[in-house]
Amino acid sequence: MAQDYGSRIRKLRDAKQLTIEELAGKAGITAGYLGRLERGESGYDNPTLATIEAIARALELHPAVILFGKILSPEIELNHSGNIIVSDNVEKRFITKFRKLTGKLERNSIEKIMDAFIELQKAP
């Protein structure tokens, strides 16, 4: 499993076009430690959750991506705050389907309900 962490971190770092030094600096760990972790070296094969979280935060991802390789789909993933990030294509498909299912009057009513719900969420 440790090798999985390391290889995931390496792939994610490469995808973000970061050097070991850059990612280590952002995560607050040494480049040597990160390199050993990426290689899955013995003694560096069981990083703490705090380390995983720091690396995930530096990569702007949710720790689950490093821990479990959890990406919901190519168009949907979790960011470091646990919020779901949706690509524009998914949103466009949702809106298209929503329009097919509803008429203009229904959409206006649903929009008002959504606005009211958002306002309720803002209230202390």
N, C-alpha and C. Protein backbone atom coordinates (compact mmCIF):
# COMPACT_ATOMS: atom_id res chain seq x y z
N MET A 1 0.82 -1.19 0.00
CA MET A 1 0.00 0.00 0.00
C MET A 1 0.87 1.26 0.00
N ALA A 2 1.98 1.21 0.69
CA ALA A 2 2.87 2.38 0.74
C ALA A 2 3.36 2.75 -0.65
N GLN A 3 3.70 1.73 -1.43
CA GLN A 3 4.14 2.00 -2.79
C GLN A 3 3.03 2.70 -3.56
N ASP A 4 1.78 2.33 -3.26
CA ASP A 4 0.65 2.99 -3.91
C ASP A 4 0.62 4.47 -3.56
N TYR A 5 0.84 4.80 -2.28
CA TYR A 5 0.88 6.21 -1.88
C TYR A 5 1.93 6.95 -2.70
N GLY A 6 3.12 6.37 -2.68
CA GLY A 6 4.24 7.00 -3.36
C GLY A 6 4.01 7.19 -4.84
N SER A 7 3.55 6.14 -5.49
CA SER A 7 3.33 6.25 -6.93
C SER A 7 2.20 7.22 -7.25
N ARG A 8 1.17 7.25 -6.41
CA ARG A 8 0.09 8.22 -6.62
C ARG A 8 0.60 9.65 -6.46
N ILE A 9 1.38 9.85 -5.40
CA ILE A 9 1.92 11.19 -5.17
C ILE A 9 2.79 11.61 -6.35
N ARG A 10 3.62 10.69 -6.82
CA ARG A 10 4.50 11.00 -7.96
C ARG A 10 3.68 11.35 -9.20
N LYS A 11 2.65 10.56 -9.49
CA LYS A 11 1.82 10.83 -10.67
C LYS A 11 1.10 12.17 -10.54
N LEU A 12 0.59 12.44 -9.34
CA LEU A 12 -0.12 13.70 -9.11
C LEU A 12 0.84 14.89 -9.19
N ARG A 13 2.03 14.72 -8.64
CA ARG A 13 3.04 15.78 -8.71
C ARG A 13 3.43 16.05 -10.16
N ASP A 14 3.64 14.97 -10.92
CA ASP A 14 3.97 15.13 -12.34
C ASP A 14 2.84 15.81 -13.10
N ALA A 15 1.61 15.43 -12.78
CA ALA A 15 0.46 16.03 -13.46
C ALA A 15 0.36 17.53 -13.20
N LYS A 16 0.79 17.94 -12.00
CA LYS A 16 0.77 19.37 -11.64
C LYS A 16 2.07 20.06 -12.08
N GLN A 17 2.96 19.30 -12.70
CA GLN A 17 4.24 19.80 -13.20
C GLN A 17 5.05 20.48 -12.09
N LEU A 18 5.12 19.78 -10.95
CA LEU A 18 5.89 20.26 -9.82
C LEU A 18 7.13 19.40 -9.63
N THR A 19 8.22 20.02 -9.25
CA THR A 19 9.41 19.25 -8.87
C THR A 19 9.21 18.72 -7.46
N ILE A 20 10.05 17.78 -7.07
CA ILE A 20 10.00 17.27 -5.70
C ILE A 20 10.21 18.44 -4.73
N GLU A 21 11.16 19.29 -5.04
CA GLU A 21 11.46 20.42 -4.16
C GLU A 21 10.26 21.36 -4.02
N GLU A 22 9.57 21.63 -5.14
CA GLU A 22 8.42 22.53 -5.10
C GLU A 22 7.28 21.95 -4.25
N LEU A 23 6.97 20.69 -4.49
CA LEU A 23 5.88 20.07 -3.74
C LEU A 23 6.26 19.95 -2.26
N ALA A 24 7.48 19.54 -1.99
CA ALA A 24 7.92 19.42 -0.60
C ALA A 24 7.81 20.76 0.12
N GLY A 25 8.23 21.82 -0.54
CA GLY A 25 8.14 23.16 0.05
C GLY A 25 6.71 23.56 0.35
N LYS A 26 5.81 23.29 -0.59
CA LYS A 26 4.40 23.62 -0.38
C LYS A 26 3.79 22.80 0.75
N ALA A 27 4.25 21.56 0.88
CA ALA A 27 3.70 20.65 1.89
C ALA A 27 4.38 20.80 3.25
N GLY A 28 5.50 21.53 3.29
CA GLY A 28 6.20 21.71 4.55
C GLY A 28 7.00 20.49 5.00
N ILE A 29 7.47 19.71 4.02
CA ILE A 29 8.31 18.55 4.33
C ILE A 29 9.59 18.68 3.51
N THR A 30 10.57 17.84 3.80
CA THR A 30 11.82 17.93 3.04
C THR A 30 11.70 17.19 1.71
N ALA A 31 12.49 17.65 0.75
CA ALA A 31 12.49 16.99 -0.57
C ALA A 31 13.01 15.56 -0.45
N GLY A 32 13.98 15.33 0.44
CA GLY A 32 14.50 13.98 0.64
C GLY A 32 13.43 13.03 1.14
N TYR A 33 12.65 13.51 2.12
CA TYR A 33 11.57 12.67 2.65
C TYR A 33 10.54 12.38 1.56
N LEU A 34 10.17 13.40 0.79
CA LEU A 34 9.18 13.20 -0.27
C LEU A 34 9.69 12.21 -1.31
N GLY A 35 10.96 12.32 -1.67
CA GLY A 35 11.53 11.39 -2.64
C GLY A 35 11.49 9.96 -2.15
N ARG A 36 11.85 9.76 -0.88
CA ARG A 36 11.82 8.41 -0.30
C ARG A 36 10.38 7.88 -0.23
N LEU A 37 9.47 8.77 0.11
CA LEU A 37 8.05 8.39 0.17
C LEU A 37 7.56 7.98 -1.22
N GLU A 38 7.89 8.77 -2.23
CA GLU A 38 7.48 8.45 -3.61
C GLU A 38 8.04 7.10 -4.06
N ARG A 39 9.25 6.79 -3.64
CA ARG A 39 9.87 5.51 -4.02
C ARG A 39 9.40 4.35 -3.16
N GLY A 40 8.68 4.65 -2.08
CA GLY A 40 8.19 3.60 -1.18
C GLY A 40 9.30 2.91 -0.42
N GLU A 41 10.37 3.66 -0.11
CA GLU A 41 11.50 3.07 0.58
C GLU A 41 11.11 2.58 1.97
N SER A 42 11.77 1.51 2.38
CA SER A 42 11.54 0.95 3.71
C SER A 42 11.84 2.01 4.77
N GLY A 43 10.97 2.10 5.76
CA GLY A 43 11.11 3.11 6.79
C GLY A 43 10.38 4.40 6.44
N TYR A 44 9.99 4.54 5.18
CA TYR A 44 9.25 5.71 4.72
C TYR A 44 7.94 5.26 4.07
N ASP A 45 7.52 4.07 4.48
CA ASP A 45 6.38 3.46 3.82
C ASP A 45 5.07 3.60 4.60
N ASN A 46 5.10 4.38 5.67
CA ASN A 46 3.88 4.54 6.46
C ASN A 46 3.75 6.00 6.91
N PRO A 47 3.48 6.90 5.94
CA PRO A 47 3.39 8.33 6.30
C PRO A 47 2.20 8.58 7.22
N THR A 48 2.34 9.60 8.03
CA THR A 48 1.23 9.95 8.92
C THR A 48 0.11 10.57 8.10
N LEU A 49 -1.07 10.56 8.67
CA LEU A 49 -2.20 11.20 8.00
C LEU A 49 -1.93 12.69 7.83
N ALA A 50 -1.26 13.29 8.80
CA ALA A 50 -0.93 14.72 8.70
C ALA A 50 -0.04 14.98 7.48
N THR A 51 0.89 14.07 7.21
CA THR A 51 1.76 14.22 6.03
C THR A 51 0.96 14.07 4.75
N ILE A 52 0.10 13.06 4.71
CA ILE A 52 -0.75 12.86 3.53
C ILE A 52 -1.63 14.09 3.31
N GLU A 53 -2.21 14.61 4.37
CA GLU A 53 -3.07 15.79 4.25
C GLU A 53 -2.27 17.00 3.76
N ALA A 54 -1.05 17.17 4.27
CA ALA A 54 -0.22 18.30 3.84
C ALA A 54 0.12 18.20 2.35
N ILE A 55 0.45 17.01 1.91
CA ILE A 55 0.77 16.81 0.49
C ILE A 55 -0.48 17.04 -0.36
N ALA A 56 -1.61 16.50 0.09
CA ALA A 56 -2.86 16.68 -0.66
C ALA A 56 -3.22 18.16 -0.75
N ARG A 57 -3.08 18.87 0.35
CA ARG A 57 -3.38 20.30 0.37
C ARG A 57 -2.46 21.04 -0.62
N ALA A 58 -1.19 20.67 -0.63
CA ALA A 58 -0.24 21.29 -1.54
C ALA A 58 -0.58 21.00 -3.00
N LEU A 59 -1.17 19.83 -3.23
CA LEU A 59 -1.60 19.46 -4.59
C LEU A 59 -3.01 19.95 -4.92
N GLU A 60 -3.66 20.57 -3.92
CA GLU A 60 -5.03 21.06 -4.06
C GLU A 60 -6.00 19.92 -4.35
N LEU A 61 -5.83 18.85 -3.59
CA LEU A 61 -6.68 17.67 -3.74
C LEU A 61 -7.17 17.22 -2.37
N HIS A 62 -8.17 16.38 -2.36
CA HIS A 62 -8.65 15.75 -1.14
C HIS A 62 -7.69 14.62 -0.79
N PRO A 63 -7.37 14.42 0.49
CA PRO A 63 -6.45 13.33 0.87
C PRO A 63 -6.88 11.95 0.36
N ALA A 64 -8.17 11.74 0.15
CA ALA A 64 -8.64 10.44 -0.35
C ALA A 64 -8.03 10.10 -1.70
N VAL A 65 -7.68 11.11 -2.48
CA VAL A 65 -7.07 10.84 -3.78
C VAL A 65 -5.72 10.15 -3.58
N ILE A 66 -4.96 10.58 -2.58
CA ILE A 66 -3.67 9.94 -2.30
C ILE A 66 -3.88 8.61 -1.58
N LEU A 67 -4.74 8.61 -0.59
CA LEU A 67 -4.93 7.40 0.22
C LEU A 67 -5.54 6.25 -0.56
N PHE A 68 -6.54 6.55 -1.36
CA PHE A 68 -7.30 5.48 -2.01
C PHE A 68 -7.35 5.58 -3.53
N GLY A 69 -6.72 6.59 -4.10
CA GLY A 69 -6.82 6.78 -5.54
C GLY A 69 -8.23 7.18 -5.92
N LYS A 70 -8.93 7.81 -4.98
CA LYS A 70 -10.35 8.10 -5.15
C LYS A 70 -10.57 9.35 -5.99
N ILE A 71 -10.88 9.15 -7.21
CA ILE A 71 -11.35 10.21 -8.08
C ILE A 71 -12.68 9.71 -8.60
N LEU A 72 -13.71 10.47 -8.40
CA LEU A 72 -15.05 9.98 -8.69
C LEU A 72 -15.26 9.67 -10.16
N SER A 73 -14.72 10.46 -11.03
CA SER A 73 -14.75 10.22 -12.47
C SER A 73 -13.78 11.20 -13.09
N PRO A 74 -13.49 11.07 -14.38
CA PRO A 74 -12.59 12.05 -14.99
C PRO A 74 -13.14 13.48 -14.92
N GLU A 75 -14.45 13.61 -14.73
CA GLU A 75 -15.06 14.93 -14.73
C GLU A 75 -15.40 15.43 -13.33
N ILE A 76 -15.30 14.55 -12.34
CA ILE A 76 -15.68 14.91 -10.98
C ILE A 76 -14.59 14.44 -10.04
N GLU A 77 -14.13 15.31 -9.17
CA GLU A 77 -13.17 14.90 -8.15
C GLU A 77 -13.40 15.73 -6.89
N LEU A 78 -12.70 15.36 -5.85
CA LEU A 78 -12.79 16.08 -4.58
C LEU A 78 -11.59 16.99 -4.45
N ASN A 79 -11.81 18.22 -3.97
CA ASN A 79 -10.65 19.06 -3.70
C ASN A 79 -10.21 18.88 -2.27
N HIS A 80 -9.19 19.61 -1.84
CA HIS A 80 -8.63 19.39 -0.50
C HIS A 80 -9.60 19.71 0.62
N SER A 81 -10.64 20.48 0.35
CA SER A 81 -11.63 20.79 1.37
C SER A 81 -12.77 19.78 1.40
N GLY A 82 -12.70 18.79 0.51
CA GLY A 82 -13.75 17.79 0.45
C GLY A 82 -14.91 18.21 -0.42
N ASN A 83 -14.77 19.35 -1.09
CA ASN A 83 -15.84 19.81 -1.99
C ASN A 83 -15.70 19.12 -3.33
N ILE A 84 -16.83 18.85 -3.94
CA ILE A 84 -16.82 18.20 -5.24
C ILE A 84 -16.59 19.26 -6.31
N ILE A 85 -15.65 18.99 -7.19
CA ILE A 85 -15.35 19.86 -8.32
C ILE A 85 -15.92 19.19 -9.56
N VAL A 86 -16.76 19.89 -10.28
CA VAL A 86 -17.43 19.33 -11.45
C VAL A 86 -16.96 20.07 -12.68
N SER A 87 -16.63 19.33 -13.73
CA SER A 87 -16.21 19.99 -14.96
C SER A 87 -17.41 20.67 -15.61
N ASP A 88 -17.12 21.60 -16.49
CA ASP A 88 -18.18 22.33 -17.18
C ASP A 88 -19.08 21.40 -17.99
N ASN A 89 -18.51 20.32 -18.54
CA ASN A 89 -19.31 19.39 -19.33
C ASN A 89 -20.41 18.74 -18.51
N VAL A 90 -20.10 18.38 -17.28
CA VAL A 90 -21.10 17.76 -16.41
C VAL A 90 -22.20 18.76 -16.11
N GLU A 91 -21.82 19.99 -15.79
CA GLU A 91 -22.81 21.02 -15.50
C GLU A 91 -23.70 21.29 -16.71
N LYS A 92 -23.10 21.35 -17.89
CA LYS A 92 -23.88 21.58 -19.11
C LYS A 92 -24.88 20.45 -19.35
N ARG A 93 -24.43 19.20 -19.14
CA ARG A 93 -25.36 18.07 -19.33
C ARG A 93 -26.48 18.13 -18.31
N PHE A 94 -26.16 18.49 -17.06
CA PHE A 94 -27.18 18.60 -16.03
C PHE A 94 -28.22 19.66 -16.42
N ILE A 95 -27.74 20.81 -16.84
CA ILE A 95 -28.66 21.90 -17.21
C ILE A 95 -29.52 21.49 -18.40
N THR A 96 -28.93 20.83 -19.38
CA THR A 96 -29.69 20.38 -20.54
C THR A 96 -30.79 19.41 -20.12
N LYS A 97 -30.46 18.46 -19.26
CA LYS A 97 -31.47 17.49 -18.78
C LYS A 97 -32.52 18.19 -17.94
N PHE A 98 -32.10 19.13 -17.10
CA PHE A 98 -33.03 19.88 -16.26
C PHE A 98 -34.04 20.63 -17.14
N ARG A 99 -33.57 21.25 -18.20
CA ARG A 99 -34.46 21.99 -19.11
C ARG A 99 -35.44 21.06 -19.81
N LYS A 100 -34.99 19.86 -20.16
CA LYS A 100 -35.88 18.91 -20.82
C LYS A 100 -36.98 18.43 -19.88
N LEU A 101 -36.65 18.34 -18.58
CA LEU A 101 -37.60 17.83 -17.60
C LEU A 101 -38.60 18.87 -17.11
N THR A 102 -38.26 20.13 -17.27
CA THR A 102 -39.09 21.18 -16.69
C THR A 102 -39.47 22.23 -17.71
N GLY A 103 -40.59 22.88 -17.44
CA GLY A 103 -41.00 24.02 -18.25
C GLY A 103 -40.47 25.29 -17.61
N LYS A 104 -40.65 26.42 -18.30
CA LYS A 104 -40.13 27.69 -17.80
C LYS A 104 -40.72 28.05 -16.44
N LEU A 105 -42.01 27.86 -16.26
CA LEU A 105 -42.66 28.19 -14.99
C LEU A 105 -42.09 27.33 -13.86
N GLU A 106 -41.90 26.04 -14.12
CA GLU A 106 -41.33 25.15 -13.11
C GLU A 106 -39.90 25.56 -12.76
N ARG A 107 -39.12 25.92 -13.77
CA ARG A 107 -37.74 26.34 -13.53
C ARG A 107 -37.69 27.59 -12.66
N ASN A 108 -38.59 28.54 -12.94
CA ASN A 108 -38.64 29.76 -12.13
C ASN A 108 -38.99 29.44 -10.68
N SER A 109 -39.93 28.54 -10.48
CA SER A 109 -40.33 28.16 -9.13
C SER A 109 -39.18 27.45 -8.40
N ILE A 110 -38.51 26.55 -9.10
CA ILE A 110 -37.39 25.82 -8.50
C ILE A 110 -36.25 26.79 -8.17
N GLU A 111 -36.01 27.74 -9.05
CA GLU A 111 -34.96 28.73 -8.80
C GLU A 111 -35.26 29.55 -7.55
N LYS A 112 -36.52 29.93 -7.35
CA LYS A 112 -36.91 30.69 -6.16
C LYS A 112 -36.72 29.85 -4.89
N ILE A 113 -37.06 28.58 -4.98
CA ILE A 113 -36.87 27.69 -3.84
C ILE A 113 -35.37 27.55 -3.53
N MET A 114 -34.56 27.40 -4.56
CA MET A 114 -33.12 27.29 -4.37
C MET A 114 -32.54 28.56 -3.75
N ASP A 115 -33.00 29.73 -4.23
CA ASP A 115 -32.53 31.01 -3.67
C ASP A 115 -32.90 31.12 -2.20
N ALA A 116 -34.11 30.71 -1.86
CA ALA A 116 -34.54 30.76 -0.46
C ALA A 116 -33.70 29.82 0.39
N PHE A 117 -33.41 28.66 -0.12
CA PHE A 117 -32.59 27.69 0.61
C PHE A 117 -31.18 28.24 0.83
N ILE A 118 -30.60 28.89 -0.18
CA ILE A 118 -29.27 29.48 -0.06
C ILE A 118 -29.28 30.55 1.03
N GLU A 119 -30.32 31.37 1.04
CA GLU A 119 -30.42 32.42 2.07
C GLU A 119 -30.53 31.82 3.46
N LEU A 120 -31.27 30.73 3.59
CA LEU A 120 -31.39 30.06 4.89
C LEU A 120 -30.03 29.53 5.34
N GLN A 121 -29.22 29.05 4.41
CA GLN A 121 -27.91 28.52 4.76
C GLN A 121 -26.98 29.62 5.25
N LYS A 122 -27.18 30.84 4.76
CA LYS A 122 -26.33 31.97 5.15
C LYS A 122 -26.68 32.48 6.55
N ALA A 123 -27.93 32.26 6.97
CA ALA A 123 -28.37 32.77 8.27
C ALA A 123 -27.63 32.07 9.39
N PRO A 124 -27.30 32.82 10.49
CA PRO A 124 -26.56 32.21 11.61
C PRO A 124 -27.34 31.20 12.38
